[in-house]
Amino acid sequence: MLPTRHLFAMYWRNARRVAPHRCGGFSTLLCMTQREQAATAFDDLHTRHAAALAQQAYLLTGRPWLARRAVERGFRLAWQRWPEVAVDPDPAGWVRAAVYEYALTPWHQYCPGLRTARGLRNTSATEPSAAEPDHALSAALLSLPAPYRRVLLLHDVLGLGPEETAAEIEASVPATTARLAHARERLAELLPGLGLGGQPPVRQGEILRARITALPDVAPTAPLTAEDVRSGSARSARRITRAAFGGTGLFALVTLVMMALTPAPYTPPERHRATAAHTRTAPARHRGAEARDHRNAARDRKAARERRNAAREQGNAAVRKKIRQARLAPELR
């Protein structure tokens, strides 16, 4: 972490760059509180760049209301993170990146009020005279994909170099150059009257810069003042804080109410079981003896049955023998 004197020197240097007219001298800066110094630098930054950013956001979206909202959102975010913005090498670039990100947010396509205007709705490349030149150029810009529009605006209109443009859009230099070339080719096809065809890239950038910067400002609603932006940012921060605390308190209250109203764990009543005749069950160690007894009893029954059968057979044999002897006896003939 930097020492305090280095941080103060960096803040003073950026304050002089952000608000050169407000910071008349070191003694004036010392007489102001830290809050007043930040407000002064932010007000000057807003005064010098709000209108230009509104026009740039309009070129990106085609919606004046969306452009105004993007600028307000960018400056509110800058005020909320002012300690970071104040020491940034390019505070205006920081705000511009925030404005562009909000203006080109993809979820705007799902909201009819925030959706980007359609390009070349009533004009075509075969009939360039069907609309005014300025309107045709704005419509052609809106017909480009969002990444192409952003690269074209940063490089050809604002004059940023390829490296700076690539750093702001978080892309590589070859990808940035390819997007710029495709955007110029598309504009040359849609608007042959611009004279971009057959021109070198440097000349194409000069032509587009001259034509786009000459477009009239379309700002039916004036942007908010710096003081309104700061107060609105403070109110938004307070609302978010209150909403967070309110949501936490509501969750705790609902939890307590549920704990108080939830009955005790359910305990089923005890059932009185009917008493049945007690049957003694042979232990496991006696099961083998019982089986053995059953086998012995069965064997005894079988032996008794065989003895009865044998005795019956013997009795029948004795009877048959006596009958034969009686037939053979002389006295019985």
Protein backbone atom coordinates (compact mmCIF):
# COMPACT_ATOMS: atom_id res chain seq x y z
CA MET A 1 0.00 0.00 0.00
CA LEU A 2 1.28 3.48 -0.89
CA PRO A 3 2.18 5.91 1.91
CA THR A 4 -0.26 8.64 2.78
CA ARG A 5 1.81 11.40 1.22
CA HIS A 6 1.97 9.53 -2.08
CA LEU A 7 -1.79 8.99 -2.10
CA PHE A 8 -2.40 12.68 -1.36
CA ALA A 9 0.00 13.72 -4.12
CA MET A 10 -1.72 11.39 -6.59
CA TYR A 11 -5.13 12.69 -5.58
CA TRP A 12 -3.96 16.32 -5.96
CA ARG A 13 -2.49 15.61 -9.39
CA ASN A 14 -5.70 13.95 -10.60
CA ALA A 15 -7.83 16.67 -9.03
CA ARG A 16 -5.88 19.31 -10.96
CA ARG A 17 -6.36 17.31 -14.15
CA VAL A 18 -10.07 16.58 -13.59
CA ALA A 19 -11.00 20.08 -12.42
CA PRO A 20 -8.26 22.49 -13.53
CA HIS A 21 -10.51 25.57 -13.28
CA ARG A 22 -11.87 24.81 -9.81
CA CYS A 23 -8.54 24.06 -8.11
CA GLY A 24 -6.90 27.47 -8.19
CA GLY A 25 -4.09 26.64 -5.81
CA PHE A 26 -2.87 24.43 -3.06
CA SER A 27 -4.12 26.78 -0.36
CA THR A 28 -7.63 26.68 -1.84
CA LEU A 29 -7.55 22.90 -1.82
CA LEU A 30 -6.44 22.81 1.80
CA CYS A 31 -9.32 25.08 2.82
CA MET A 32 -11.83 22.62 1.36
CA THR A 33 -12.88 19.42 3.04
CA GLN A 34 -12.28 16.11 1.37
CA ARG A 35 -15.97 15.83 0.50
CA GLU A 36 -15.98 19.28 -1.08
CA GLN A 37 -12.83 18.49 -3.07
CA ALA A 38 -14.38 15.32 -4.46
CA ALA A 39 -17.65 17.11 -5.26
CA THR A 40 -15.79 19.93 -7.03
CA ALA A 41 -13.74 17.56 -9.17
CA PHE A 42 -16.78 15.42 -9.99
CA ASP A 43 -18.91 18.44 -10.93
CA ASP A 44 -16.26 19.70 -13.34
CA LEU A 45 -15.85 16.23 -14.86
CA HIS A 46 -19.61 16.00 -15.37
CA THR A 47 -19.84 19.50 -16.83
CA ARG A 48 -17.11 18.88 -19.42
CA HIS A 49 -18.09 15.38 -20.56
CA ALA A 50 -21.81 14.75 -19.93
CA ALA A 51 -23.09 16.29 -23.16
CA ALA A 52 -20.49 14.55 -25.34
CA LEU A 53 -21.15 11.21 -23.69
CA ALA A 54 -24.89 11.66 -24.21
CA GLN A 55 -24.33 12.18 -27.94
CA GLN A 56 -22.03 9.15 -28.10
CA ALA A 57 -24.54 7.00 -26.26
CA TYR A 58 -27.23 8.15 -28.68
CA LEU A 59 -25.06 7.08 -31.63
CA LEU A 60 -24.69 3.67 -29.98
CA THR A 61 -28.36 3.12 -29.14
CA GLY A 62 -30.49 5.45 -31.25
CA ARG A 63 -32.69 6.07 -28.19
CA PRO A 64 -32.38 9.52 -26.57
CA TRP A 65 -33.97 8.35 -23.35
CA LEU A 66 -31.68 5.31 -23.14
CA ALA A 67 -28.65 7.48 -23.89
CA ARG A 68 -29.60 9.89 -21.09
CA ARG A 69 -30.10 7.00 -18.69
CA ALA A 70 -26.74 5.47 -19.63
CA VAL A 71 -24.94 8.75 -18.94
CA GLU A 72 -26.66 9.16 -15.58
CA ARG A 73 -25.83 5.57 -14.67
CA GLY A 74 -22.18 6.04 -15.64
CA PHE A 75 -21.73 9.20 -13.57
CA ARG A 76 -23.60 7.75 -10.59
CA LEU A 77 -21.31 4.75 -10.65
CA ALA A 78 -18.32 7.10 -10.91
CA TRP A 79 -19.48 9.06 -7.85
CA GLN A 80 -20.03 5.87 -5.86
CA ARG A 81 -16.47 4.77 -6.73
CA TRP A 82 -14.94 8.21 -6.73
CA PRO A 83 -11.80 7.25 -4.75
CA GLU A 84 -11.03 4.80 -7.55
CA VAL A 85 -11.97 7.21 -10.33
CA ALA A 86 -10.03 10.12 -8.85
CA VAL A 87 -6.71 8.26 -9.01
CA ASP A 88 -7.41 6.74 -12.43
CA PRO A 89 -5.09 7.99 -15.21
CA ASP A 90 -8.14 8.81 -17.38
CA PRO A 91 -11.29 9.58 -15.31
CA ALA A 92 -13.24 10.53 -18.45
CA GLY A 93 -12.32 7.19 -20.02
CA TRP A 94 -13.49 5.40 -16.90
CA VAL A 95 -16.89 7.08 -17.10
CA ARG A 96 -17.07 6.52 -20.85
CA ALA A 97 -16.47 2.78 -20.42
CA ALA A 98 -19.26 2.60 -17.82
CA VAL A 99 -21.65 4.51 -20.12
CA TYR A 100 -20.86 2.28 -23.10
CA GLU A 101 -21.27 -0.90 -21.06
CA TYR A 102 -24.73 0.12 -19.86
CA ALA A 103 -25.83 1.41 -23.27
CA LEU A 104 -24.87 -1.87 -24.97
CA THR A 105 -26.11 -4.24 -22.26
CA PRO A 106 -27.65 -7.30 -23.99
CA TRP A 107 -30.64 -7.51 -21.63
CA HIS A 108 -31.95 -4.23 -23.07
CA GLN A 109 -33.15 -6.29 -26.04
CA TYR A 110 -35.78 -7.93 -23.81
CA CYS A 111 -37.23 -4.60 -22.66
CA PRO A 112 -39.15 -2.70 -25.35
CA GLY A 113 -38.46 0.66 -23.70
CA LEU A 114 -34.69 0.08 -23.58
CA ARG A 115 -34.25 -1.73 -26.87
CA THR A 116 -31.78 -0.25 -29.34
CA ALA A 117 -33.41 1.44 -32.31
CA ARG A 118 -33.41 -0.48 -35.56
CA GLY A 119 -31.14 0.71 -38.32
CA LEU A 120 -32.15 1.48 -41.89
CA ARG A 121 -35.81 0.75 -41.25
CA ASN A 122 -37.09 2.94 -44.12
CA THR A 123 -33.98 3.24 -46.25
CA SER A 124 -31.93 0.90 -48.36
CA ALA A 125 -28.61 0.93 -50.13
CA THR A 126 -30.30 1.09 -53.53
CA GLU A 127 -32.26 4.22 -52.58
CA PRO A 128 -29.95 6.51 -50.59
CA SER A 129 -32.03 9.56 -51.43
CA ALA A 130 -35.13 8.25 -49.72
CA ALA A 131 -34.05 9.84 -46.44
CA GLU A 132 -31.83 12.68 -45.35
CA PRO A 133 -28.07 12.04 -45.33
CA ASP A 134 -27.74 12.52 -41.58
CA HIS A 135 -30.61 10.15 -40.87
CA ALA A 136 -29.20 7.61 -43.35
CA LEU A 137 -25.80 7.73 -41.64
CA SER A 138 -27.34 7.31 -38.16
CA ALA A 139 -29.46 4.42 -39.39
CA ALA A 140 -26.43 2.79 -41.01
CA LEU A 141 -24.49 3.06 -37.76
CA LEU A 142 -27.35 1.44 -35.85
CA SER A 143 -27.49 -1.41 -38.36
CA LEU A 144 -23.95 -2.45 -37.38
CA PRO A 145 -23.44 -4.99 -34.60
CA ALA A 146 -22.86 -3.47 -31.18
CA PRO A 147 -19.13 -4.38 -31.00
CA TYR A 148 -18.55 -2.80 -34.44
CA ARG A 149 -20.35 0.39 -33.41
CA ARG A 150 -18.28 0.70 -30.26
CA VAL A 151 -14.95 0.18 -32.05
CA LEU A 152 -15.90 2.59 -34.82
CA LEU A 153 -16.92 5.26 -32.34
CA LEU A 154 -13.80 4.91 -30.21
CA HIS A 155 -11.30 4.77 -33.06
CA ASP A 156 -12.72 6.92 -35.86
CA VAL A 157 -14.76 9.45 -33.86
CA LEU A 158 -12.85 9.84 -30.60
CA GLY A 159 -9.47 9.25 -32.20
CA LEU A 160 -8.19 6.50 -29.91
CA GLY A 161 -5.37 4.33 -31.19
CA PRO A 162 -5.74 0.60 -31.87
CA GLU A 163 -4.01 -0.32 -28.60
CA GLU A 164 -6.13 2.06 -26.52
CA THR A 165 -9.31 0.92 -28.24
CA ALA A 166 -8.43 -2.74 -27.69
CA ALA A 167 -7.70 -2.06 -24.03
CA GLU A 168 -11.04 -0.32 -23.50
CA ILE A 169 -13.12 -3.01 -25.19
CA GLU A 170 -10.98 -5.73 -23.57
CA ALA A 171 -10.02 -7.41 -26.84
CA SER A 172 -6.83 -8.09 -28.73
CA VAL A 173 -5.42 -5.62 -31.23
CA PRO A 174 -5.95 -7.93 -34.26
CA ALA A 175 -9.57 -8.52 -33.24
CA THR A 176 -10.11 -4.78 -32.81
CA THR A 177 -8.58 -4.03 -36.21
CA ALA A 178 -10.74 -6.70 -37.86
CA ARG A 179 -13.92 -5.27 -36.30
CA LEU A 180 -13.00 -1.79 -37.47
CA ALA A 181 -12.34 -3.00 -41.03
CA HIS A 182 -15.64 -4.91 -41.18
CA ALA A 183 -17.55 -1.89 -39.85
CA ARG A 184 -16.06 0.37 -42.52
CA GLU A 185 -16.82 -2.17 -45.25
CA ARG A 186 -20.41 -2.44 -44.09
CA LEU A 187 -20.86 1.34 -44.10
CA ALA A 188 -19.32 1.55 -47.56
CA GLU A 189 -21.88 -0.98 -48.81
CA LEU A 190 -24.84 0.73 -47.16
CA LEU A 191 -23.84 4.29 -48.04
CA PRO A 192 -21.90 4.47 -51.31
CA GLY A 193 -22.25 8.24 -51.24
CA LEU A 194 -19.77 8.51 -48.38
CA GLY A 195 -16.94 7.66 -50.74
CA LEU A 196 -15.34 5.06 -48.51
CA GLY A 197 -14.84 2.54 -51.29
CA GLY A 198 -11.30 2.32 -52.60
CA GLN A 199 -9.91 4.66 -49.91
CA PRO A 200 -7.03 3.71 -47.60
CA PRO A 201 -7.92 2.99 -43.96
CA VAL A 202 -6.55 6.33 -42.74
CA ARG A 203 -8.65 8.26 -45.24
CA GLN A 204 -11.73 6.20 -44.37
CA GLY A 205 -11.30 7.09 -40.70
CA GLU A 206 -11.00 10.79 -41.55
CA ILE A 207 -14.15 10.72 -43.68
CA LEU A 208 -16.16 8.95 -41.00
CA ARG A 209 -14.87 11.26 -38.26
CA ALA A 210 -15.88 14.33 -40.25
CA ARG A 211 -19.33 12.99 -41.16
CA ILE A 212 -20.21 11.57 -37.74
CA THR A 213 -19.04 14.60 -35.78
CA ALA A 214 -21.12 16.78 -38.10
CA LEU A 215 -24.31 14.97 -37.13
CA PRO A 216 -26.73 17.22 -35.22
CA ASP A 217 -27.08 16.68 -31.49
CA VAL A 218 -30.27 14.84 -30.67
CA ALA A 219 -30.97 15.51 -26.99
CA PRO A 220 -34.65 16.25 -26.40
CA THR A 221 -34.14 15.97 -22.64
CA ALA A 222 -31.27 17.70 -20.92
CA PRO A 223 -29.09 15.47 -18.72
CA LEU A 224 -29.20 15.82 -14.99
CA THR A 225 -26.89 18.25 -13.31
CA ALA A 226 -23.88 17.05 -11.37
CA GLU A 227 -25.54 17.88 -8.06
CA ASP A 228 -28.62 15.87 -9.02
CA VAL A 229 -26.41 12.94 -10.02
CA ARG A 230 -24.57 13.04 -6.68
CA SER A 231 -27.78 13.30 -4.67
CA GLY A 232 -29.41 10.56 -6.72
CA SER A 233 -26.38 8.31 -6.19
CA ALA A 234 -26.55 8.91 -2.44
CA ARG A 235 -30.29 8.15 -2.40
CA SER A 236 -29.72 4.99 -4.42
CA ALA A 237 -27.02 3.83 -2.01
CA ARG A 238 -29.29 4.52 0.95
CA ARG A 239 -32.15 2.62 -0.67
CA ILE A 240 -29.93 -0.37 -1.35
CA THR A 241 -28.65 -0.35 2.21
CA ARG A 242 -32.15 -0.06 3.65
CA ALA A 243 -33.41 -2.79 1.35
CA ALA A 244 -30.59 -5.09 2.47
CA PHE A 245 -31.28 -4.44 6.15
CA GLY A 246 -35.03 -4.71 5.59
CA GLY A 247 -34.68 -8.02 3.77
CA THR A 248 -32.46 -9.40 6.51
CA GLY A 249 -34.87 -8.28 9.24
CA LEU A 250 -37.87 -9.68 7.37
CA PHE A 251 -36.15 -13.02 6.95
CA ALA A 252 -35.31 -13.12 10.66
CA LEU A 253 -38.90 -12.18 11.58
CA VAL A 254 -40.39 -14.88 9.36
CA THR A 255 -38.00 -17.42 10.85
CA LEU A 256 -39.01 -16.49 14.39
CA VAL A 257 -42.74 -16.62 13.55
CA MET A 258 -42.38 -20.04 11.99
CA MET A 259 -40.46 -21.31 14.99
CA ALA A 260 -43.15 -19.96 17.33
CA LEU A 261 -46.10 -21.33 15.37
CA THR A 262 -44.69 -24.70 14.46
CA PRO A 263 -46.11 -27.37 16.84
CA ALA A 264 -43.95 -29.77 18.79
CA PRO A 265 -42.79 -32.91 17.03
CA TYR A 266 -45.69 -35.35 16.55
CA THR A 267 -45.67 -38.33 18.90
CA PRO A 268 -48.11 -41.13 17.98
CA PRO A 269 -50.31 -42.44 20.86
CA GLU A 270 -49.36 -45.68 22.51
CA ARG A 271 -51.35 -48.65 21.23
CA HIS A 272 -52.59 -51.35 23.66
CA ARG A 273 -51.81 -54.67 22.08
CA ALA A 274 -54.18 -57.58 22.63
CA THR A 275 -52.66 -60.36 24.73
CA ALA A 276 -52.52 -63.68 22.91
CA ALA A 277 -51.94 -67.16 24.28
CA HIS A 278 -48.38 -67.57 25.19
CA THR A 279 -46.71 -70.15 23.05
CA ARG A 280 -43.37 -71.32 24.10
CA THR A 281 -41.00 -71.46 21.29
CA ALA A 282 -38.30 -74.02 21.51
CA PRO A 283 -34.89 -72.46 21.76
CA ALA A 284 -32.64 -72.82 18.83
CA ARG A 285 -30.50 -75.39 20.60
CA HIS A 286 -33.56 -77.73 21.09
CA ARG A 287 -34.71 -77.65 17.49
CA GLY A 288 -32.34 -80.42 16.50
CA ALA A 289 -33.52 -82.68 19.37
CA GLU A 290 -37.16 -82.18 18.39
CA ALA A 291 -36.41 -83.07 14.81
CA ARG A 292 -34.59 -86.17 15.99
CA ASP A 293 -37.53 -87.18 18.19
CA HIS A 294 -39.91 -86.76 15.26
CA ARG A 295 -37.74 -88.99 13.13
CA ASN A 296 -37.54 -91.65 15.87
CA ALA A 297 -41.30 -91.55 16.39
CA ALA A 298 -41.89 -91.98 12.68
CA ARG A 299 -39.45 -94.86 12.58
CA ASP A 300 -41.17 -96.52 15.57
CA ARG A 301 -44.58 -96.19 13.93
CA LYS A 302 -43.25 -97.72 10.77
CA ALA A 303 -41.67 -100.63 12.69
CA ALA A 304 -44.94 -101.25 14.61
CA ARG A 305 -46.86 -101.23 11.33
CA GLU A 306 -44.41 -103.73 9.85
CA ARG A 307 -44.73 -105.98 12.93
CA ARG A 308 -48.52 -105.94 12.66
CA ASN A 309 -48.33 -106.81 9.01
CA ALA A 310 -45.89 -109.63 9.75
CA ALA A 311 -48.14 -111.00 12.54
CA ARG A 312 -51.12 -110.87 10.22
CA GLU A 313 -49.23 -112.72 7.54
CA GLN A 314 -48.17 -115.40 10.07
CA GLY A 315 -51.77 -115.83 11.27
CA ASN A 316 -53.03 -116.18 7.70
CA ALA A 317 -50.32 -118.74 6.93
CA ALA A 318 -51.28 -120.84 10.03
CA VAL A 319 -54.92 -120.82 9.03
CA ARG A 320 -54.12 -121.95 5.48
CA LYS A 321 -51.90 -124.78 6.87
CA LYS A 322 -54.64 -126.06 9.15
CA ILE A 323 -57.11 -126.06 6.26
CA ARG A 324 -54.74 -128.19 4.13
CA GLN A 325 -54.12 -130.61 7.00
CA ALA A 326 -57.83 -130.94 7.60
CA ARG A 327 -58.40 -131.89 3.99
CA LEU A 328 -55.79 -134.62 4.10
CA ALA A 329 -56.89 -136.20 7.47
CA PRO A 330 -58.63 -139.67 6.95
CA GLU A 331 -61.26 -139.12 9.52
CA LEU A 332 -62.40 -136.01 7.73
CA ARG A 333 -62.74 -137.51 4.27
